[in-house]
C-alpha atoms as a PDB file:
ATOM      1  CA  MET A   1       9.717  21.998  33.947  1.00  0.00           C
ATOM      2  CA  ALA A   2       6.235  22.372  30.397  1.00  0.00           C
ATOM      3  CA  GLU A   3       8.670  22.555  28.359  1.00  0.00           C
ATOM      4  CA  LYS A   4      10.769  19.147  29.074  1.00  0.00           C
ATOM      5  CA  ARG A   5       7.096  18.120  29.736  1.00  0.00           C
ATOM      6  CA  VAL A   6       6.370  18.465  25.956  1.00  0.00           C
ATOM      7  CA  TRP A   7       9.419  17.984  24.576  1.00  0.00           C
ATOM      8  CA  LYS A   8       8.986  13.996  26.187  1.00  0.00           C
ATOM      9  CA  ILE A   9       5.310  14.194  24.579  1.00  0.00           C
ATOM     10  CA  LEU A  10       6.667  15.365  20.120  1.00  0.00           C
ATOM     11  CA  SER A  11       9.917  12.442  21.487  1.00  0.00           C
ATOM     12  CA  ASN A  12       7.401  10.132  22.032  1.00  0.00           C
ATOM     13  CA  PHE A  13       4.991  10.461  18.660  1.00  0.00           C
ATOM     14  CA  ILE A  14       7.956  10.256  16.404  1.00  0.00           C
ATOM     15  CA  THR A  15       9.219   7.596  18.055  1.00  0.00           C
ATOM     16  CA  GLY A  16       5.987   5.284  17.949  1.00  0.00           C
ATOM     17  CA  ILE A  17       5.470   7.458  14.291  1.00  0.00           C
ATOM     18  CA  LEU A  18       9.383   6.065  13.048  1.00  0.00           C
ATOM     19  CA  PHE A  19       8.359   2.777  14.033  1.00  0.00           C
ATOM     20  CA  LEU A  20       4.797   2.184  12.442  1.00  0.00           C
ATOM     21  CA  LEU A  21       7.197   3.678   9.347  1.00  0.00           C
ATOM     22  CA  LEU A  22       9.383   1.461   9.862  1.00  0.00           C
ATOM     23  CA  ILE A  23       6.645  -1.861  10.633  1.00  0.00           C
ATOM     24  CA  PHE A  24       5.010  -0.760   6.734  1.00  0.00           C
ATOM     25  CA  MET A  25       7.564  -0.841   4.913  1.00  0.00           C
ATOM     26  CA  ILE A  26       9.437  -4.427   6.295  1.00  0.00           C
ATOM     27  CA  PHE A  27       5.680  -5.235   6.220  1.00  0.00           C
ATOM     28  CA  VAL A  28       5.345  -4.032   2.357  1.00  0.00           C
ATOM     29  CA  VAL A  29       8.450  -5.380   1.194  1.00  0.00           C
ATOM     30  CA  VAL A  30       8.110  -8.732   2.630  1.00  0.00           C
ATOM     31  CA  SER A  31       4.550  -8.691   1.937  1.00  0.00           C
ATOM     32  CA  SER A  32       5.441  -8.017  -2.148  1.00  0.00           C
ATOM     33  CA  LYS A  33       8.099 -10.491  -2.317  1.00  0.00           C
ATOM     34  CA  ALA A  34       5.985 -13.181  -1.164  1.00  0.00           C
ATOM     35  CA  SER A  35       3.319 -12.799  -2.981  1.00  0.00           C
ATOM     36  CA  GLY A  36       5.464 -12.333  -6.220  1.00  0.00           C
ATOM     37  CA  GLY A  37       4.415  -8.545  -6.700  1.00  0.00           C
ATOM     38  CA  GLU A  38       0.830  -6.689  -5.167  1.00  0.00           C
ATOM     39  CA  PRO A  39       1.116  -6.596  -0.925  1.00  0.00           C
ATOM     40  CA  ASN A  40      -2.064  -8.660   0.908  1.00  0.00           C
ATOM     41  CA  PHE A  41      -3.806  -7.713   4.018  1.00  0.00           C
ATOM     42  CA  LEU A  42      -6.546  -8.915   5.343  1.00  0.00           C
ATOM     43  CA  GLY A  43      -7.780 -11.150   2.270  1.00  0.00           C
ATOM     44  CA  TYR A  44      -7.464  -8.119  -0.096  1.00  0.00           C
ATOM     45  CA  GLN A  45      -5.013  -8.277  -2.383  1.00  0.00           C
ATOM     46  CA  LEU A  46      -3.247  -4.116  -3.397  1.00  0.00           C
ATOM     47  CA  LYS A  47      -2.783  -4.033  -6.860  1.00  0.00           C
ATOM     48  CA  THR A  48      -1.167  -0.566  -8.521  1.00  0.00           C
ATOM     49  CA  VAL A  49      -3.328   1.106 -11.476  1.00  0.00           C
ATOM     50  CA  LEU A  50      -1.061   1.517 -14.269  1.00  0.00           C
ATOM     51  CA  SER A  51      -3.224   3.054 -16.721  1.00  0.00           C
ATOM     52  CA  GLY A  52      -5.928   5.743 -17.183  1.00  0.00           C
ATOM     53  CA  SER A  53      -8.716   3.519 -18.215  1.00  0.00           C
ATOM     54  CA  MET A  54     -10.372   3.813 -15.431  1.00  0.00           C
ATOM     55  CA  GLU A  55     -10.333   7.072 -15.439  1.00  0.00           C
ATOM     56  CA  PRO A  56     -11.709   8.920 -12.654  1.00  0.00           C
ATOM     57  CA  THR A  57     -13.326   5.749 -10.880  1.00  0.00           C
ATOM     58  CA  PHE A  58      -9.118   5.777  -9.912  1.00  0.00           C
ATOM     59  CA  MET A  59      -6.401   7.030 -11.692  1.00  0.00           C
ATOM     60  CA  THR A  60      -3.779   6.313 -13.033  1.00  0.00           C
ATOM     61  CA  GLY A  61      -0.649   5.704 -10.389  1.00  0.00           C
ATOM     62  CA  SER A  62      -3.271   4.033  -6.982  1.00  0.00           C
ATOM     63  CA  ILE A  63      -4.024   1.357  -5.371  1.00  0.00           C
ATOM     64  CA  ILE A  64      -6.935  -0.967  -5.420  1.00  0.00           C
ATOM     65  CA  ALA A  65      -8.038  -3.291  -3.135  1.00  0.00           C
ATOM     66  CA  VAL A  66      -8.709  -5.919  -4.440  1.00  0.00           C
ATOM     67  CA  LYS A  67     -11.043  -8.965  -3.624  1.00  0.00           C
ATOM     68  CA  PRO A  68     -10.164 -12.748  -5.224  1.00  0.00           C
ATOM     69  CA  VAL A  69     -13.439 -14.129  -6.441  1.00  0.00           C
ATOM     70  CA  GLU A  70     -14.612 -17.207  -4.954  1.00  0.00           C
ATOM     71  CA  ASN A  71     -17.287 -18.048  -7.733  1.00  0.00           C
ATOM     72  CA  ALA A  72     -17.511 -15.797 -11.135  1.00  0.00           C
ATOM     73  CA  ALA A  73     -21.068 -16.707 -12.016  1.00  0.00           C
ATOM     74  CA  GLU A  74     -22.353 -14.173  -9.143  1.00  0.00           C
ATOM     75  CA  LEU A  75     -20.798 -11.010 -10.955  1.00  0.00           C
ATOM     76  CA  LYS A  76     -22.791  -9.053 -11.946  1.00  0.00           C
ATOM     77  CA  LYS A  77     -23.069  -5.841 -14.425  1.00  0.00           C
ATOM     78  CA  ASP A  78     -21.503  -3.026 -13.266  1.00  0.00           C
ATOM     79  CA  ASP A  79     -19.072  -4.246 -10.853  1.00  0.00           C
ATOM     80  CA  ILE A  80     -15.134  -3.967 -11.234  1.00  0.00           C
ATOM     81  CA  ILE A  81     -13.219  -6.825 -11.810  1.00  0.00           C
ATOM     82  CA  THR A  82      -9.607  -7.660 -12.506  1.00  0.00           C
ATOM     83  CA  PHE A  83      -9.288 -10.843 -14.638  1.00  0.00           C
ATOM     84  CA  LYS A  84      -6.295 -12.198 -16.557  1.00  0.00           C
ATOM     85  CA  GLU A  85      -5.498 -11.210 -20.276  1.00  0.00           C
ATOM     86  CA  SER A  86      -2.909 -12.874 -22.336  1.00  0.00           C
ATOM     87  CA  GLU A  87       0.437 -14.400 -20.886  1.00  0.00           C
ATOM     88  CA  GLY A  88      -0.498 -13.524 -17.265  1.00  0.00           C
ATOM     89  CA  LYS A  89      -1.932  -9.480 -17.315  1.00  0.00           C
ATOM     90  CA  LEU A  90      -4.334  -9.051 -15.047  1.00  0.00           C
ATOM     91  CA  ILE A  91      -6.389  -6.037 -16.585  1.00  0.00           C
ATOM     92  CA  THR A  92      -8.952  -3.844 -13.882  1.00  0.00           C
ATOM     93  CA  HIS A  93     -12.562  -3.200 -15.567  1.00  0.00           C
ATOM     94  CA  ARG A  94     -16.288  -2.769 -15.601  1.00  0.00           C
ATOM     95  CA  ILE A  95     -18.023  -5.857 -16.380  1.00  0.00           C
ATOM     96  CA  VAL A  96     -21.015  -3.757 -19.144  1.00  0.00           C
ATOM     97  CA  GLU A  97     -22.701  -7.431 -20.704  1.00  0.00           C
ATOM     98  CA  VAL A  98     -22.784 -10.663 -18.649  1.00  0.00           C
ATOM     99  CA  ILE A  99     -23.511 -13.334 -20.652  1.00  0.00           C
ATOM    100  CA  LYS A 100     -23.996 -16.973 -19.854  1.00  0.00           C
ATOM    101  CA  ASN A 101     -24.576 -20.044 -22.039  1.00  0.00           C
ATOM    102  CA  SER A 102     -25.648 -23.061 -20.892  1.00  0.00           C
ATOM    103  CA  ASP A 103     -22.633 -23.690 -18.160  1.00  0.00           C
ATOM    104  CA  GLN A 104     -20.332 -21.088 -19.021  1.00  0.00           C
ATOM    105  CA  THR A 105     -20.429 -16.980 -17.862  1.00  0.00           C
ATOM    106  CA  MET A 106     -18.521 -14.656 -19.842  1.00  0.00           C
ATOM    107  CA  PHE A 107     -18.564 -11.135 -19.154  1.00  0.00           C
ATOM    108  CA  VAL A 108     -18.314  -8.138 -21.912  1.00  0.00           C
ATOM    109  CA  THR A 109     -15.502  -5.153 -19.647  1.00  0.00           C
ATOM    110  CA  LYS A 110     -15.058  -1.978 -20.698  1.00  0.00           C
ATOM    111  CA  GLY A 111     -12.565   0.606 -18.545  1.00  0.00           C
ATOM    112  CA  ASP A 112     -14.914   3.571 -17.734  1.00  0.00           C
ATOM    113  CA  ASN A 113     -11.961   5.863 -19.482  1.00  0.00           C
ATOM    114  CA  ASN A 114     -12.601   3.879 -22.870  1.00  0.00           C
ATOM    115  CA  GLU A 115     -15.105   4.885 -25.490  1.00  0.00           C
ATOM    116  CA  ASP A 116     -15.195   1.122 -26.991  1.00  0.00           C
ATOM    117  CA  LYS A 117     -15.609  -2.355 -24.808  1.00  0.00           C
ATOM    118  CA  ASP A 118     -12.827  -3.998 -24.213  1.00  0.00           C
ATOM    119  CA  SER A 119     -12.505  -6.810 -27.568  1.00  0.00           C
ATOM    120  CA  ASN A 120     -12.620 -10.065 -26.376  1.00  0.00           C
ATOM    121  CA  ALA A 121     -14.685 -10.831 -23.478  1.00  0.00           C
ATOM    122  CA  VAL A 122     -13.891 -12.642 -20.201  1.00  0.00           C
ATOM    123  CA  MET A 123     -14.229 -16.061 -19.201  1.00  0.00           C
ATOM    124  CA  SER A 124     -15.324 -16.013 -15.516  1.00  0.00           C
ATOM    125  CA  GLN A 125     -12.445 -19.188 -15.063  1.00  0.00           C
ATOM    126  CA  ASN A 126     -10.334 -15.527 -15.649  1.00  0.00           C
ATOM    127  CA  VAL A 127     -11.374 -13.580 -13.366  1.00  0.00           C
ATOM    128  CA  VAL A 128      -9.065 -13.170 -10.513  1.00  0.00           C
ATOM    129  CA  ALA A 129     -10.852 -10.748  -7.978  1.00  0.00           C
ATOM    130  CA  GLU A 130     -13.788  -8.183  -7.580  1.00  0.00           C
ATOM    131  CA  TYR A 131     -12.551  -4.143  -6.614  1.00  0.00           C
ATOM    132  CA  SER A 132     -13.414  -3.590  -3.236  1.00  0.00           C
ATOM    133  CA  GLY A 133     -14.843  -0.139  -3.711  1.00  0.00           C
ATOM    134  CA  PHE A 134     -11.193   1.644  -1.883  1.00  0.00           C
ATOM    135  CA  THR A 135      -8.077   2.592  -3.466  1.00  0.00           C
ATOM    136  CA  ILE A 136      -5.409   5.533  -2.402  1.00  0.00           C
ATOM    137  CA  PRO A 137      -4.064   7.905  -5.459  1.00  0.00           C
ATOM    138  CA  PHE A 138      -0.335   8.417  -6.498  1.00  0.00           C
ATOM    139  CA  VAL A 139       0.814   5.261  -3.142  1.00  0.00           C
ATOM    140  CA  GLY A 140       1.384   2.848  -6.632  1.00  0.00           C
ATOM    141  CA  TYR A 141       4.354   4.845  -7.807  1.00  0.00           C
ATOM    142  CA  PHE A 142       5.076   4.151  -4.301  1.00  0.00           C
ATOM    143  CA  MET A 143       4.422   0.591  -3.823  1.00  0.00           C
ATOM    144  CA  ASP A 144       5.836   0.326  -7.545  1.00  0.00           C
ATOM    145  CA  TYR A 145       9.402   1.101  -6.220  1.00  0.00           C
ATOM    146  CA  ALA A 146       9.437  -1.238  -3.207  1.00  0.00           C
ATOM    147  CA  LYS A 147       9.030  -3.774  -5.307  1.00  0.00           C
ATOM    148  CA  SER A 148      12.430  -2.854  -7.216  1.00  0.00           C
ATOM    149  CA  LYS A 149      15.629  -4.261  -5.768  1.00  0.00           C
ATOM    150  CA  ASN A 150      16.526  -0.522  -4.523  1.00  0.00           C
ATOM    151  CA  GLY A 151      13.704   0.490  -3.547  1.00  0.00           C
ATOM    152  CA  THR A 152      13.707  -2.775  -1.117  1.00  0.00           C
ATOM    153  CA  ALA A 153      16.883  -1.557  -0.223  1.00  0.00           C
ATOM    154  CA  LEU A 154      16.241   1.747   0.353  1.00  0.00           C
ATOM    155  CA  LEU A 155      12.668   1.112   2.326  1.00  0.00           C
ATOM    156  CA  LEU A 156      14.442  -1.172   5.052  1.00  0.00           C
ATOM    157  CA  ILE A 157      17.094   0.086   5.228  1.00  0.00           C
ATOM    158  CA  LEU A 158      15.522   4.030   5.441  1.00  0.00           C
ATOM    159  CA  PRO A 159      13.246   3.906   8.153  1.00  0.00           C
ATOM    160  CA  GLY A 160      15.736   2.607  10.384  1.00  0.00           C
ATOM    161  CA  LEU A 161      18.333   4.623   9.770  1.00  0.00           C
ATOM    162  CA  LEU A 162      15.970   7.307  10.432  1.00  0.00           C
ATOM    163  CA  LEU A 163      14.623   5.804  13.752  1.00  0.00           C
ATOM    164  CA  LEU A 164      18.451   4.823  14.868  1.00  0.00           C
ATOM    165  CA  ALA A 165      19.011   8.451  14.766  1.00  0.00           C
ATOM    166  CA  TYR A 166      16.678   9.830  16.446  1.00  0.00           C
ATOM    167  CA  SER A 167      17.298   7.612  19.183  1.00  0.00           C
ATOM    168  CA  GLY A 168      20.549   8.180  19.054  1.00  0.00           C
ATOM    169  CA  ILE A 169      19.375  11.755  19.534  1.00  0.00           C
ATOM    170  CA  THR A 170      17.821  11.298  21.929  1.00  0.00           C
ATOM    171  CA  ILE A 171      20.326   9.874  24.327  1.00  0.00           C
ATOM    172  CA  PHE A 172      22.503  12.478  23.734  1.00  0.00           C
ATOM    173  CA  LYS A 173      20.361  14.932  24.897  1.00  0.00           C
ATOM    174  CA  ALA A 174      19.735  13.028  27.850  1.00  0.00           C
ATOM    175  CA  ILE A 175      23.170  13.018  28.434  1.00  0.00           C
ATOM    176  CA  LYS A 176      23.496  16.292  28.224  1.00  0.00           C
ATOM    177  CA  GLU A 177      20.459  17.408  30.925  1.00  0.00           C
ATOM    178  CA  ILE A 178      22.088  14.752  33.000  1.00  0.00           C
ATOM    179  CA  ASP A 179      24.618  16.366  32.495  1.00  0.00           C
ATOM    180  CA  GLN A 180      23.675  20.317  33.297  1.00  0.00           C
ATOM    181  CA  GLY A 181      22.352  18.907  36.448  1.00  0.00           C
ATOM    182  CA  LYS A 182      25.820  17.509  37.893  1.00  0.00           C
ATOM    183  CA  GLY A 183      26.862  20.782  37.435  1.00  0.00           C
ATOM    184  CA  LYS A 184      23.838  22.202  39.360  1.00  0.00           C
ATOM    185  CA  ASP A 185      24.033  19.867  42.139  1.00  0.00           C
ATOM    186  CA  ALA A 186      28.220  21.014  41.861  1.00  0.00           C
ATOM    187  CA  GLN A 187      27.485  24.247  41.983  1.00  0.00           C
ATOM    188  CA  GLY A 188      25.845  24.374  44.929  1.00  0.00           C
ATOM    189  CA  THR A 189      27.728  22.741  47.227  1.00  0.00           C
ATOM    190  CA  VAL A 190      30.279  24.695  46.499  1.00  0.00           C
END
């Protein structure tokens, strides 16, 4: 009897994990597609780190959470910002100097792992977001894969198939237990 109870608890746990995995995959894929890139979660954008310029603060392949900046003029030295460089390319580096001219604020930035400062100062209107301090290592590789056609298909289909297969196994075992119970009842009546 205790064995059945343990199996039921384990079964419910596995079903819950597979279901949460499916929901998470749907969220990641739909959010990535809707935003045209990285997903958004609770007002934060999740960005994939593609280079080692900010190591050891965050490693290549990590994802970082950044908060959109409303007033870039309030940023200060040592803040980590995400900004637009040429042709819409986004870079995340640390502010090493703030330059304030009459009505214009510019930032001199540098990657923590770079020896030199970035060659061009960043104008405040090119600042997109500020790093929140939240990093998950290596998940960025997964997020990049999720954005590809094959990744999208696999990440939507695979958890669903796993959930269906596990449900099929659970149903098969339940039917087997019912059949065994009927066999015992038939033997007892003879």
